[in-house]
Amino acid sequence: MERASLPVQRKVFGWILRVTGWILRLAGSLAVLFSGQRVKTLSATTNMPGYQGLPWYVLLLIYLGVMVGGVAVLVLSLLMGRRARVHTARIVASTSSLLPGSYVLYLRPFTQDLTSSGIAPAAENDNAFNNPARTITRSGRTYEERLGRMFRRFGPLIAVGRPGEQLPGGSGARRTYLPLDDWKDTVGELIDNARLVILGAGPGPGTVWEYVEILRRRDPSRLVVLVTDEAEYQRFKTSTIAEAEGVLYELKHKYGDFWQPPILPDLPSPVNPKAIRVFYFKAMVYFTAGWEPHLAHFDRSAVQSNNPRRVAKYFTQRLHPVLTHISQGTQAPARGNLESRSE
């Protein structure tokens, strides 16, 4: 059985990047704060009696240049931090080291790694000039890392890595790499043993097969369908209906003669369709008895504020039914923790 090669990480280099990123973040924030304060007092300084320094417009250009440079350094520090965490992310060398019920399995189209590895933008009123302390301490977490934190009470996030990738596609989940010629059997075992499965909705054949495989193998309370792109979700809905028809006899034997595959709900229209800001996580679908789907919709335009606390409160309230339902339907493993070997 041929296994996919593991990524080659440079952990020391990753830690150097991480430390350097924090230093640059501090330097960039101070540069923006310093130049901003100088611009504010520029008029009073150049109009002082006896002032013989540079003309005000030259000073303005210098200070604006420092400010732009500081912002660029801040962006660079966040990118360095993201790169550093990829180099230090844990890799599960063998799926046999994963204890049943000890982890959350994260399945998704590999193309979603490109977007989920992005860094969530700061709030409009959170910048180095208005709030330098928040800018310096900003986590810079990627969307995948945020997903792992949302569901961490159920165990660490485990994702199947893209075969042949030189570095892990993200740092929020620990990645494992499967046999090239027998990946379906291994994914099936991972589904069987996961405490929870999060499935990123996408129309690819592999993702659709994984969805139907979960219908065949697991209890409804163990699945959450994650929606990050509405168009892909709509195609996913159509594809899953057709795929489930292929094993409908088996599914009816398990759930009853009158059982039908779940029809995933449509996403409601946003409160303000012209809103510029949107959540990366658009919705989550969870299931009750008989695979009845329920939708938790995250509509950024429904929050009439840019206050980070209000936005976070809205998202937490919408997420609460999902987490509560999963907690009621799953139980933590009786003994043991996740055991994995890092490469």
C-alpha atoms as a PDB file:
ATOM      1  CA  MET A   1       0.000   0.000   0.000  1.00  0.00           C
ATOM      2  CA  GLU A   2       1.645   3.247  -1.130  1.00  0.00           C
ATOM      3  CA  ARG A   3       1.345   6.106   1.325  1.00  0.00           C
ATOM      4  CA  ALA A   4       1.476   9.763   0.382  1.00  0.00           C
ATOM      5  CA  SER A   5       4.767  11.431   1.278  1.00  0.00           C
ATOM      6  CA  LEU A   6       4.713  13.669   4.343  1.00  0.00           C
ATOM      7  CA  PRO A   7       5.396  17.414   4.071  1.00  0.00           C
ATOM      8  CA  VAL A   8       8.887  18.592   4.971  1.00  0.00           C
ATOM      9  CA  GLN A   9       8.592  21.105   7.815  1.00  0.00           C
ATOM     10  CA  ARG A  10      11.377  23.231   9.268  1.00  0.00           C
ATOM     11  CA  LYS A  11      10.297  23.712  12.847  1.00  0.00           C
ATOM     12  CA  VAL A  12      13.274  25.836  13.941  1.00  0.00           C
ATOM     13  CA  PHE A  13      12.710  28.108  10.961  1.00  0.00           C
ATOM     14  CA  GLY A  14       9.033  28.271  11.912  1.00  0.00           C
ATOM     15  CA  TRP A  15       9.820  29.458  15.427  1.00  0.00           C
ATOM     16  CA  ILE A  16      12.270  32.032  14.084  1.00  0.00           C
ATOM     17  CA  LEU A  17       9.526  33.331  11.818  1.00  0.00           C
ATOM     18  CA  ARG A  18       7.093  33.477  14.715  1.00  0.00           C
ATOM     19  CA  VAL A  19       9.421  35.502  16.961  1.00  0.00           C
ATOM     20  CA  THR A  20      10.388  37.796  14.086  1.00  0.00           C
ATOM     21  CA  GLY A  21       6.722  38.336  13.265  1.00  0.00           C
ATOM     22  CA  TRP A  22       5.966  39.515  16.818  1.00  0.00           C
ATOM     23  CA  ILE A  23       8.921  41.904  16.726  1.00  0.00           C
ATOM     24  CA  LEU A  24       7.769  43.327  13.402  1.00  0.00           C
ATOM     25  CA  ARG A  25       4.221  43.688  14.696  1.00  0.00           C
ATOM     26  CA  LEU A  26       5.460  45.767  17.608  1.00  0.00           C
ATOM     27  CA  ALA A  27       7.686  47.876  15.356  1.00  0.00           C
ATOM     28  CA  GLY A  28       4.946  48.439  12.784  1.00  0.00           C
ATOM     29  CA  SER A  29       2.400  49.456  15.419  1.00  0.00           C
ATOM     30  CA  LEU A  30       4.817  51.933  16.991  1.00  0.00           C
ATOM     31  CA  ALA A  31       5.641  53.394  13.562  1.00  0.00           C
ATOM     32  CA  VAL A  32       1.963  53.942  12.736  1.00  0.00           C
ATOM     33  CA  LEU A  33       1.258  55.406  16.183  1.00  0.00           C
ATOM     34  CA  PHE A  34       4.283  57.715  16.056  1.00  0.00           C
ATOM     35  CA  SER A  35       3.579  59.010  12.553  1.00  0.00           C
ATOM     36  CA  GLY A  36      -0.118  59.482  13.325  1.00  0.00           C
ATOM     37  CA  GLN A  37       0.632  61.582  16.365  1.00  0.00           C
ATOM     38  CA  ARG A  38       3.155  63.646  14.383  1.00  0.00           C
ATOM     39  CA  VAL A  39       0.611  64.337  11.655  1.00  0.00           C
ATOM     40  CA  LYS A  40      -1.869  65.531  14.290  1.00  0.00           C
ATOM     41  CA  THR A  41       0.613  68.019  15.758  1.00  0.00           C
ATOM     42  CA  LEU A  42       2.238  68.989  12.451  1.00  0.00           C
ATOM     43  CA  SER A  43       0.427  72.305  12.063  1.00  0.00           C
ATOM     44  CA  ALA A  44       1.196  73.426  15.611  1.00  0.00           C
ATOM     45  CA  THR A  45       4.857  72.432  15.265  1.00  0.00           C
ATOM     46  CA  THR A  46       5.586  74.194  11.964  1.00  0.00           C
ATOM     47  CA  ASN A  47       3.712  77.357  13.037  1.00  0.00           C
ATOM     48  CA  MET A  48       5.692  77.828  16.233  1.00  0.00           C
ATOM     49  CA  PRO A  49       7.609  81.148  16.375  1.00  0.00           C
ATOM     50  CA  GLY A  50      11.198  80.689  15.288  1.00  0.00           C
ATOM     51  CA  TYR A  51      10.635  77.314  13.627  1.00  0.00           C
ATOM     52  CA  GLN A  52      13.343  76.719  11.009  1.00  0.00           C
ATOM     53  CA  GLY A  53      12.894  73.070  10.188  1.00  0.00           C
ATOM     54  CA  LEU A  54      11.644  71.364   7.041  1.00  0.00           C
ATOM     55  CA  PRO A  55       8.521  72.706   5.322  1.00  0.00           C
ATOM     56  CA  TRP A  56       5.243  71.254   6.584  1.00  0.00           C
ATOM     57  CA  TYR A  57       4.508  69.455   3.311  1.00  0.00           C
ATOM     58  CA  VAL A  58       7.882  67.691   3.381  1.00  0.00           C
ATOM     59  CA  LEU A  59       7.276  66.559   6.958  1.00  0.00           C
ATOM     60  CA  LEU A  60       3.788  65.414   5.991  1.00  0.00           C
ATOM     61  CA  LEU A  61       5.174  63.241   3.212  1.00  0.00           C
ATOM     62  CA  ILE A  62       7.774  61.763   5.561  1.00  0.00           C
ATOM     63  CA  TYR A  63       5.234  60.950   8.253  1.00  0.00           C
ATOM     64  CA  LEU A  64       2.781  59.469   5.746  1.00  0.00           C
ATOM     65  CA  GLY A  65       5.611  57.347   4.360  1.00  0.00           C
ATOM     66  CA  VAL A  66       6.406  56.079   7.865  1.00  0.00           C
ATOM     67  CA  MET A  67       2.726  55.309   8.409  1.00  0.00           C
ATOM     68  CA  VAL A  68       2.415  53.372   5.162  1.00  0.00           C
ATOM     69  CA  GLY A  69       5.631  51.523   5.964  1.00  0.00           C
ATOM     70  CA  GLY A  70       4.308  50.651   9.412  1.00  0.00           C
ATOM     71  CA  VAL A  71       1.084  49.242   7.955  1.00  0.00           C
ATOM     72  CA  ALA A  72       3.103  47.193   5.463  1.00  0.00           C
ATOM     73  CA  VAL A  73       5.225  45.810   8.295  1.00  0.00           C
ATOM     74  CA  LEU A  74       2.065  44.865  10.222  1.00  0.00           C
ATOM     75  CA  VAL A  75       0.676  42.961   7.245  1.00  0.00           C
ATOM     76  CA  LEU A  76       4.033  41.250   6.769  1.00  0.00           C
ATOM     77  CA  SER A  77       4.103  40.217  10.435  1.00  0.00           C
ATOM     78  CA  LEU A  78       0.695  38.524  10.130  1.00  0.00           C
ATOM     79  CA  LEU A  79       1.781  36.662   6.994  1.00  0.00           C
ATOM     80  CA  MET A  80       4.985  35.551   8.705  1.00  0.00           C
ATOM     81  CA  GLY A  81       2.984  34.289  11.662  1.00  0.00           C
ATOM     82  CA  ARG A  82       0.724  32.257   9.395  1.00  0.00           C
ATOM     83  CA  ARG A  83       3.732  30.771   7.595  1.00  0.00           C
ATOM     84  CA  ALA A  84       5.403  30.004  10.905  1.00  0.00           C
ATOM     85  CA  ARG A  85       2.420  28.037  12.203  1.00  0.00           C
ATOM     86  CA  VAL A  86       2.350  25.908   9.049  1.00  0.00           C
ATOM     87  CA  HIS A  87       5.961  24.902   9.700  1.00  0.00           C
ATOM     88  CA  THR A  88       5.192  24.042  13.336  1.00  0.00           C
ATOM     89  CA  ALA A  89       1.772  22.429  12.793  1.00  0.00           C
ATOM     90  CA  ARG A  90       1.453  18.880  14.072  1.00  0.00           C
ATOM     91  CA  ILE A  91       1.241  15.972  11.647  1.00  0.00           C
ATOM     92  CA  VAL A  92      -0.374  12.667  12.548  1.00  0.00           C
ATOM     93  CA  ALA A  93       2.000  10.102  11.105  1.00  0.00           C
ATOM     94  CA  SER A  94      -0.413   7.188  11.438  1.00  0.00           C
ATOM     95  CA  THR A  95      -4.182   7.112  11.835  1.00  0.00           C
ATOM     96  CA  SER A  96      -3.794   4.084  14.085  1.00  0.00           C
ATOM     97  CA  SER A  97      -2.536   6.457  16.796  1.00  0.00           C
ATOM     98  CA  LEU A  98      -5.924   8.224  16.956  1.00  0.00           C
ATOM     99  CA  LEU A  99      -8.060   6.946  19.794  1.00  0.00           C
ATOM    100  CA  PRO A 100     -11.746   6.398  18.952  1.00  0.00           C
ATOM    101  CA  GLY A 101     -13.933   9.296  20.052  1.00  0.00           C
ATOM    102  CA  SER A 102     -10.974  11.579  20.784  1.00  0.00           C
ATOM    103  CA  TYR A 103     -10.975  13.870  17.741  1.00  0.00           C
ATOM    104  CA  VAL A 104     -13.060  15.985  15.373  1.00  0.00           C
ATOM    105  CA  LEU A 105     -12.663  14.938  11.752  1.00  0.00           C
ATOM    106  CA  TYR A 106     -12.540  17.833   9.285  1.00  0.00           C
ATOM    107  CA  LEU A 107     -13.358  16.797   5.708  1.00  0.00           C
ATOM    108  CA  ARG A 108     -13.553  19.327   2.866  1.00  0.00           C
ATOM    109  CA  PRO A 109     -12.558  19.858  -0.764  1.00  0.00           C
ATOM    110  CA  PHE A 110      -8.829  20.541  -0.843  1.00  0.00           C
ATOM    111  CA  THR A 111      -9.519  23.763  -2.750  1.00  0.00           C
ATOM    112  CA  GLN A 112     -11.049  25.184   0.425  1.00  0.00           C
ATOM    113  CA  ASP A 113      -7.613  25.152   2.058  1.00  0.00           C
ATOM    114  CA  LEU A 114      -6.750  28.223  -0.024  1.00  0.00           C
ATOM    115  CA  THR A 115      -9.504  30.304   1.559  1.00  0.00           C
ATOM    116  CA  SER A 116      -9.534  28.766   5.026  1.00  0.00           C
ATOM    117  CA  SER A 117      -5.825  29.586   5.419  1.00  0.00           C
ATOM    118  CA  GLY A 118      -6.664  33.291   5.055  1.00  0.00           C
ATOM    119  CA  ILE A 119      -6.464  35.607   8.054  1.00  0.00           C
ATOM    120  CA  ALA A 120      -9.741  37.059   9.262  1.00  0.00           C
ATOM    121  CA  PRO A 121      -9.787  40.860   8.800  1.00  0.00           C
ATOM    122  CA  ALA A 122      -9.761  43.128  11.810  1.00  0.00           C
ATOM    123  CA  ALA A 123     -12.779  45.229  12.680  1.00  0.00           C
ATOM    124  CA  GLU A 124     -13.011  48.590  10.936  1.00  0.00           C
ATOM    125  CA  ASN A 125     -12.224  50.496  14.108  1.00  0.00           C
ATOM    126  CA  ASP A 126      -9.355  48.222  15.106  1.00  0.00           C
ATOM    127  CA  ASN A 127      -6.174  49.582  13.556  1.00  0.00           C
ATOM    128  CA  ALA A 128      -2.718  50.493  14.734  1.00  0.00           C
ATOM    129  CA  PHE A 129      -3.607  54.179  14.991  1.00  0.00           C
ATOM    130  CA  ASN A 130      -6.870  53.900  16.954  1.00  0.00           C
ATOM    131  CA  ASN A 131      -5.966  50.860  19.017  1.00  0.00           C
ATOM    132  CA  PRO A 132      -2.249  49.993  18.935  1.00  0.00           C
ATOM    133  CA  ALA A 133      -2.519  47.606  21.906  1.00  0.00           C
ATOM    134  CA  ARG A 134      -5.153  45.463  20.153  1.00  0.00           C
ATOM    135  CA  THR A 135      -3.120  45.518  16.935  1.00  0.00           C
ATOM    136  CA  ILE A 136       0.012  44.296  18.693  1.00  0.00           C
ATOM    137  CA  THR A 137      -1.835  41.501  20.500  1.00  0.00           C
ATOM    138  CA  ARG A 138      -4.006  40.491  17.541  1.00  0.00           C
ATOM    139  CA  SER A 139      -3.863  36.731  17.117  1.00  0.00           C
ATOM    140  CA  GLY A 140      -3.784  36.651  13.326  1.00  0.00           C
ATOM    141  CA  ARG A 141      -5.610  33.312  13.385  1.00  0.00           C
ATOM    142  CA  THR A 142      -6.686  31.803  10.106  1.00  0.00           C
ATOM    143  CA  TYR A 143     -10.244  30.677   9.491  1.00  0.00           C
ATOM    144  CA  GLU A 144      -9.213  27.062   9.919  1.00  0.00           C
ATOM    145  CA  GLU A 145      -7.654  27.875  13.273  1.00  0.00           C
ATOM    146  CA  ARG A 146     -10.864  29.619  14.324  1.00  0.00           C
ATOM    147  CA  LEU A 147     -12.859  26.572  13.296  1.00  0.00           C
ATOM    148  CA  GLY A 148     -10.670  24.398  15.492  1.00  0.00           C
ATOM    149  CA  ARG A 149     -11.258  26.726  18.448  1.00  0.00           C
ATOM    150  CA  MET A 150     -15.040  26.675  17.917  1.00  0.00           C
ATOM    151  CA  PHE A 151     -15.190  22.891  18.289  1.00  0.00           C
ATOM    152  CA  ARG A 152     -12.196  22.248  20.538  1.00  0.00           C
ATOM    153  CA  ARG A 153     -14.419  21.033  23.402  1.00  0.00           C
ATOM    154  CA  PHE A 154     -15.052  17.912  21.301  1.00  0.00           C
ATOM    155  CA  GLY A 155     -11.403  17.224  20.577  1.00  0.00           C
ATOM    156  CA  PRO A 156      -8.610  18.432  18.317  1.00  0.00           C
ATOM    157  CA  LEU A 157      -9.332  18.961  14.638  1.00  0.00           C
ATOM    158  CA  ILE A 158      -7.925  16.263  12.340  1.00  0.00           C
ATOM    159  CA  ALA A 159      -7.851  16.848   8.581  1.00  0.00           C
ATOM    160  CA  VAL A 160      -6.761  14.703   5.662  1.00  0.00           C
ATOM    161  CA  GLY A 161      -3.918  16.496   3.895  1.00  0.00           C
ATOM    162  CA  ARG A 162      -3.675  17.016   0.156  1.00  0.00           C
ATOM    163  CA  PRO A 163      -1.424  14.324  -1.344  1.00  0.00           C
ATOM    164  CA  GLY A 164       1.956  15.665  -2.416  1.00  0.00           C
ATOM    165  CA  GLU A 165       1.753  19.068  -0.729  1.00  0.00           C
ATOM    166  CA  GLN A 166       5.134  20.411   0.355  1.00  0.00           C
ATOM    167  CA  LEU A 167       3.733  21.975   3.524  1.00  0.00           C
ATOM    168  CA  PRO A 168       0.435  21.457   5.355  1.00  0.00           C
ATOM    169  CA  GLY A 169      -2.361  23.403   3.700  1.00  0.00           C
ATOM    170  CA  GLY A 170      -3.284  24.997   7.023  1.00  0.00           C
ATOM    171  CA  SER A 171      -2.409  25.088  10.689  1.00  0.00           C
ATOM    172  CA  GLY A 172      -5.764  24.869  12.452  1.00  0.00           C
ATOM    173  CA  ALA A 173      -6.033  21.104  12.059  1.00  0.00           C
ATOM    174  CA  ARG A 174      -3.492  18.361  12.545  1.00  0.00           C
ATOM    175  CA  ARG A 175      -3.061  16.702   9.188  1.00  0.00           C
ATOM    176  CA  THR A 176      -2.702  13.061   8.313  1.00  0.00           C
ATOM    177  CA  TYR A 177      -1.788  11.695   4.897  1.00  0.00           C
ATOM    178  CA  LEU A 178      -3.540   8.639   3.523  1.00  0.00           C
ATOM    179  CA  PRO A 179      -2.587   5.785   1.215  1.00  0.00           C
ATOM    180  CA  LEU A 180      -2.858   6.873  -2.401  1.00  0.00           C
ATOM    181  CA  ASP A 181      -4.590   3.677  -3.518  1.00  0.00           C
ATOM    182  CA  ASP A 182      -6.840   3.006  -0.521  1.00  0.00           C
ATOM    183  CA  TRP A 183      -7.939   6.378   0.839  1.00  0.00           C
ATOM    184  CA  LYS A 184     -11.662   5.552   0.980  1.00  0.00           C
ATOM    185  CA  ASP A 185     -11.218   2.683   3.430  1.00  0.00           C
ATOM    186  CA  THR A 186      -9.051   4.854   5.686  1.00  0.00           C
ATOM    187  CA  VAL A 187     -11.484   7.787   5.532  1.00  0.00           C
ATOM    188  CA  GLY A 188     -14.268   5.351   6.408  1.00  0.00           C
ATOM    189  CA  GLU A 189     -12.355   4.273   9.512  1.00  0.00           C
ATOM    190  CA  LEU A 190     -11.734   7.895  10.466  1.00  0.00           C
ATOM    191  CA  ILE A 191     -15.463   8.603  10.110  1.00  0.00           C
ATOM    192  CA  ASP A 192     -16.299   5.585  12.279  1.00  0.00           C
ATOM    193  CA  ASN A 193     -13.973   6.662  15.083  1.00  0.00           C
ATOM    194  CA  ALA A 194     -14.498  10.437  15.099  1.00  0.00           C
ATOM    195  CA  ARG A 195     -16.450  12.012  17.907  1.00  0.00           C
ATOM    196  CA  LEU A 196     -17.725  14.574  15.388  1.00  0.00           C
ATOM    197  CA  VAL A 197     -17.372  15.102  11.636  1.00  0.00           C
ATOM    198  CA  ILE A 198     -17.291  18.590  10.117  1.00  0.00           C
ATOM    199  CA  LEU A 199     -17.809  18.448   6.367  1.00  0.00           C
ATOM    200  CA  GLY A 200     -17.032  21.497   4.245  1.00  0.00           C
ATOM    201  CA  ALA A 201     -19.727  21.657   1.564  1.00  0.00           C
ATOM    202  CA  GLY A 202     -18.383  21.352  -1.962  1.00  0.00           C
ATOM    203  CA  PRO A 203     -19.557  19.678  -5.166  1.00  0.00           C
ATOM    204  CA  GLY A 204     -16.478  17.513  -5.713  1.00  0.00           C
ATOM    205  CA  PRO A 205     -17.078  13.761  -6.020  1.00  0.00           C
ATOM    206  CA  GLY A 206     -14.852  12.965  -3.039  1.00  0.00           C
ATOM    207  CA  THR A 207     -16.725  15.315  -0.729  1.00  0.00           C
ATOM    208  CA  VAL A 208     -20.125  14.093  -1.896  1.00  0.00           C
ATOM    209  CA  TRP A 209     -19.017  10.486  -1.367  1.00  0.00           C
ATOM    210  CA  GLU A 210     -17.883  11.387   2.173  1.00  0.00           C
ATOM    211  CA  TYR A 211     -21.298  12.908   2.942  1.00  0.00           C
ATOM    212  CA  VAL A 212     -23.173   9.766   1.878  1.00  0.00           C
ATOM    213  CA  GLU A 213     -20.643   7.601   3.694  1.00  0.00           C
ATOM    214  CA  ILE A 214     -21.449   9.502   6.898  1.00  0.00           C
ATOM    215  CA  LEU A 215     -25.166   8.823   6.286  1.00  0.00           C
ATOM    216  CA  ARG A 216     -24.330   5.139   6.036  1.00  0.00           C
ATOM    217  CA  ARG A 217     -22.016   4.942   9.040  1.00  0.00           C
ATOM    218  CA  ARG A 218     -22.901   7.510  11.695  1.00  0.00           C
ATOM    219  CA  ASP A 219     -25.606   8.910  13.904  1.00  0.00           C
ATOM    220  CA  PRO A 220     -27.135  12.235  12.732  1.00  0.00           C
ATOM    221  CA  SER A 221     -25.825  14.130  15.753  1.00  0.00           C
ATOM    222  CA  ARG A 222     -22.230  13.439  14.660  1.00  0.00           C
ATOM    223  CA  LEU A 223     -22.260  15.560  11.490  1.00  0.00           C
ATOM    224  CA  VAL A 224     -22.051  19.297  10.850  1.00  0.00           C
ATOM    225  CA  VAL A 225     -22.056  20.548   7.246  1.00  0.00           C
ATOM    226  CA  LEU A 226     -20.044  23.745   7.020  1.00  0.00           C
ATOM    227  CA  VAL A 227     -21.020  26.342   4.396  1.00  0.00           C
ATOM    228  CA  THR A 228     -18.402  28.875   3.306  1.00  0.00           C
ATOM    229  CA  ASP A 229     -19.531  29.474  -0.275  1.00  0.00           C
ATOM    230  CA  GLU A 230     -23.210  29.680  -1.186  1.00  0.00           C
ATOM    231  CA  ALA A 231     -22.786  28.642  -4.840  1.00  0.00           C
ATOM    232  CA  GLU A 232     -20.720  25.589  -3.896  1.00  0.00           C
ATOM    233  CA  TYR A 233     -23.282  24.688  -1.253  1.00  0.00           C
ATOM    234  CA  GLN A 234     -26.107  24.739  -3.803  1.00  0.00           C
ATOM    235  CA  ARG A 235     -24.176  22.394  -6.105  1.00  0.00           C
ATOM    236  CA  PHE A 236     -23.326  20.199  -3.123  1.00  0.00           C
ATOM    237  CA  LYS A 237     -27.039  19.884  -2.276  1.00  0.00           C
ATOM    238  CA  THR A 238     -27.895  18.698  -5.772  1.00  0.00           C
ATOM    239  CA  SER A 239     -24.998  16.267  -5.947  1.00  0.00           C
ATOM    240  CA  THR A 240     -25.741  14.653  -2.579  1.00  0.00           C
ATOM    241  CA  ILE A 241     -29.325  13.832  -3.557  1.00  0.00           C
ATOM    242  CA  ALA A 242     -28.138  11.987  -6.657  1.00  0.00           C
ATOM    243  CA  GLU A 243     -25.330  10.212  -4.773  1.00  0.00           C
ATOM    244  CA  ALA A 244     -27.662   9.058  -1.991  1.00  0.00           C
ATOM    245  CA  GLU A 245     -30.035   7.537  -4.515  1.00  0.00           C
ATOM    246  CA  GLY A 246     -27.294   5.064  -5.412  1.00  0.00           C
ATOM    247  CA  VAL A 247     -27.340   3.556  -1.914  1.00  0.00           C
ATOM    248  CA  LEU A 248     -30.981   4.301  -1.064  1.00  0.00           C
ATOM    249  CA  TYR A 249     -31.843   0.626  -0.600  1.00  0.00           C
ATOM    250  CA  GLU A 250     -29.118   0.227   1.997  1.00  0.00           C
ATOM    251  CA  LEU A 251     -30.080   3.467   3.757  1.00  0.00           C
ATOM    252  CA  LYS A 252     -33.754   2.473   3.917  1.00  0.00           C
ATOM    253  CA  HIS A 253     -32.769  -0.886   5.354  1.00  0.00           C
ATOM    254  CA  LYS A 254     -30.970   1.019   8.124  1.00  0.00           C
ATOM    255  CA  TYR A 255     -33.438   3.847   8.775  1.00  0.00           C
ATOM    256  CA  GLY A 256     -36.779   2.418   7.647  1.00  0.00           C
ATOM    257  CA  ASP A 257     -38.761   1.893   4.434  1.00  0.00           C
ATOM    258  CA  PHE A 258     -40.223   5.403   4.489  1.00  0.00           C
ATOM    259  CA  TRP A 259     -36.925   7.173   5.090  1.00  0.00           C
ATOM    260  CA  GLN A 260     -35.720   9.638   2.461  1.00  0.00           C
ATOM    261  CA  PRO A 261     -32.331  11.357   2.189  1.00  0.00           C
ATOM    262  CA  PRO A 262     -32.340  14.771   3.878  1.00  0.00           C
ATOM    263  CA  ILE A 263     -33.034  17.821   1.719  1.00  0.00           C
ATOM    264  CA  LEU A 264     -30.505  20.366   2.888  1.00  0.00           C
ATOM    265  CA  PRO A 265     -32.054  23.788   3.620  1.00  0.00           C
ATOM    266  CA  ASP A 266     -31.524  26.836   1.441  1.00  0.00           C
ATOM    267  CA  LEU A 267     -29.666  29.807   2.851  1.00  0.00           C
ATOM    268  CA  PRO A 268     -31.951  32.745   3.597  1.00  0.00           C
ATOM    269  CA  SER A 269     -31.324  36.070   1.894  1.00  0.00           C
ATOM    270  CA  PRO A 270     -29.147  38.497   3.876  1.00  0.00           C
ATOM    271  CA  VAL A 271     -30.851  41.289   5.766  1.00  0.00           C
ATOM    272  CA  ASN A 272     -28.813  43.788   3.766  1.00  0.00           C
ATOM    273  CA  PRO A 273     -27.807  42.331   0.357  1.00  0.00           C
ATOM    274  CA  LYS A 274     -25.530  45.326  -0.311  1.00  0.00           C
ATOM    275  CA  ALA A 275     -23.454  44.847   2.820  1.00  0.00           C
ATOM    276  CA  ILE A 276     -19.722  44.835   2.157  1.00  0.00           C
ATOM    277  CA  ARG A 277     -18.620  42.724   5.105  1.00  0.00           C
ATOM    278  CA  VAL A 278     -19.673  39.077   5.322  1.00  0.00           C
ATOM    279  CA  PHE A 279     -18.741  36.165   7.542  1.00  0.00           C
ATOM    280  CA  TYR A 280     -16.425  33.557   6.082  1.00  0.00           C
ATOM    281  CA  PHE A 281     -18.538  30.904   7.812  1.00  0.00           C
ATOM    282  CA  LYS A 282     -21.888  31.455   6.112  1.00  0.00           C
ATOM    283  CA  ALA A 283     -23.870  28.671   7.786  1.00  0.00           C
ATOM    284  CA  MET A 284     -23.772  25.308   9.520  1.00  0.00           C
ATOM    285  CA  VAL A 285     -26.251  22.478   9.048  1.00  0.00           C
ATOM    286  CA  TYR A 286     -26.767  20.024  11.903  1.00  0.00           C
ATOM    287  CA  PHE A 287     -29.104  17.042  12.094  1.00  0.00           C
ATOM    288  CA  THR A 288     -31.578  15.606  14.582  1.00  0.00           C
ATOM    289  CA  ALA A 289     -33.234  12.180  14.648  1.00  0.00           C
ATOM    290  CA  GLY A 290     -34.002  10.723  11.227  1.00  0.00           C
ATOM    291  CA  TRP A 291     -31.464  13.082   9.652  1.00  0.00           C
ATOM    292  CA  GLU A 292     -33.754  16.092   9.861  1.00  0.00           C
ATOM    293  CA  PRO A 293     -31.569  19.096   8.920  1.00  0.00           C
ATOM    294  CA  HIS A 294     -31.453  22.367  10.859  1.00  0.00           C
ATOM    295  CA  LEU A 295     -29.713  25.529   9.735  1.00  0.00           C
ATOM    296  CA  ALA A 296     -27.622  27.987  11.735  1.00  0.00           C
ATOM    297  CA  HIS A 297     -27.168  30.995   9.456  1.00  0.00           C
ATOM    298  CA  PHE A 298     -24.482  33.629  10.065  1.00  0.00           C
ATOM    299  CA  ASP A 299     -25.507  36.920   8.440  1.00  0.00           C
ATOM    300  CA  ARG A 300     -22.991  39.706   9.027  1.00  0.00           C
ATOM    301  CA  SER A 301     -25.385  42.282   7.600  1.00  0.00           C
ATOM    302  CA  ALA A 302     -27.826  41.513  10.429  1.00  0.00           C
ATOM    303  CA  VAL A 303     -25.375  43.103  12.903  1.00  0.00           C
ATOM    304  CA  GLN A 304     -25.943  46.850  12.723  1.00  0.00           C
ATOM    305  CA  SER A 305     -22.606  47.631  14.282  1.00  0.00           C
ATOM    306  CA  ASN A 306     -18.880  47.330  13.675  1.00  0.00           C
ATOM    307  CA  ASN A 307     -18.207  46.837  17.362  1.00  0.00           C
ATOM    308  CA  PRO A 308     -16.136  43.626  17.598  1.00  0.00           C
ATOM    309  CA  ARG A 309     -17.904  42.546  20.788  1.00  0.00           C
ATOM    310  CA  ARG A 310     -21.357  42.856  19.241  1.00  0.00           C
ATOM    311  CA  VAL A 311     -20.270  40.983  16.133  1.00  0.00           C
ATOM    312  CA  ALA A 312     -18.710  38.222  18.246  1.00  0.00           C
ATOM    313  CA  LYS A 313     -21.814  38.059  20.454  1.00  0.00           C
ATOM    314  CA  TYR A 314     -24.076  37.640  17.416  1.00  0.00           C
ATOM    315  CA  PHE A 315     -21.917  34.860  15.995  1.00  0.00           C
ATOM    316  CA  THR A 316     -21.725  33.089  19.359  1.00  0.00           C
ATOM    317  CA  GLN A 317     -25.498  33.215  19.770  1.00  0.00           C
ATOM    318  CA  ARG A 318     -26.028  31.706  16.323  1.00  0.00           C
ATOM    319  CA  LEU A 319     -23.430  29.018  16.988  1.00  0.00           C
ATOM    320  CA  HIS A 320     -24.837  28.083  20.406  1.00  0.00           C
ATOM    321  CA  PRO A 321     -27.638  25.749  19.160  1.00  0.00           C
ATOM    322  CA  VAL A 322     -25.118  23.816  17.076  1.00  0.00           C
ATOM    323  CA  LEU A 323     -22.726  23.252  19.980  1.00  0.00           C
ATOM    324  CA  THR A 324     -25.558  22.465  22.395  1.00  0.00           C
ATOM    325  CA  HIS A 325     -27.043  19.874  20.060  1.00  0.00           C
ATOM    326  CA  ILE A 326     -23.682  18.200  19.515  1.00  0.00           C
ATOM    327  CA  SER A 327     -22.957  18.164  23.258  1.00  0.00           C
ATOM    328  CA  GLN A 328     -26.267  16.436  23.918  1.00  0.00           C
ATOM    329  CA  GLY A 329     -25.705  13.879  21.181  1.00  0.00           C
ATOM    330  CA  THR A 330     -22.060  13.025  21.755  1.00  0.00           C
ATOM    331  CA  GLN A 331     -20.117  11.813  24.735  1.00  0.00           C
ATOM    332  CA  ALA A 332     -16.462  12.255  25.457  1.00  0.00           C
ATOM    333  CA  PRO A 333     -14.276   9.120  25.455  1.00  0.00           C
ATOM    334  CA  ALA A 334     -14.170   7.387  28.822  1.00  0.00           C
ATOM    335  CA  ARG A 335     -10.394   7.306  29.031  1.00  0.00           C
ATOM    336  CA  GLY A 336      -7.358   8.515  27.165  1.00  0.00           C
ATOM    337  CA  ASN A 337      -6.466  11.508  25.069  1.00  0.00           C
ATOM    338  CA  LEU A 338      -5.434  11.984  21.495  1.00  0.00           C
ATOM    339  CA  GLU A 339      -2.105  10.336  20.880  1.00  0.00           C
ATOM    340  CA  SER A 340      -0.187  11.182  17.778  1.00  0.00           C
ATOM    341  CA  ARG A 341       3.365  11.248  16.572  1.00  0.00           C
ATOM    342  CA  SER A 342       4.700  14.403  15.008  1.00  0.00           C
ATOM    343  CA  GLU A 343       7.055  14.350  12.093  1.00  0.00           C
END
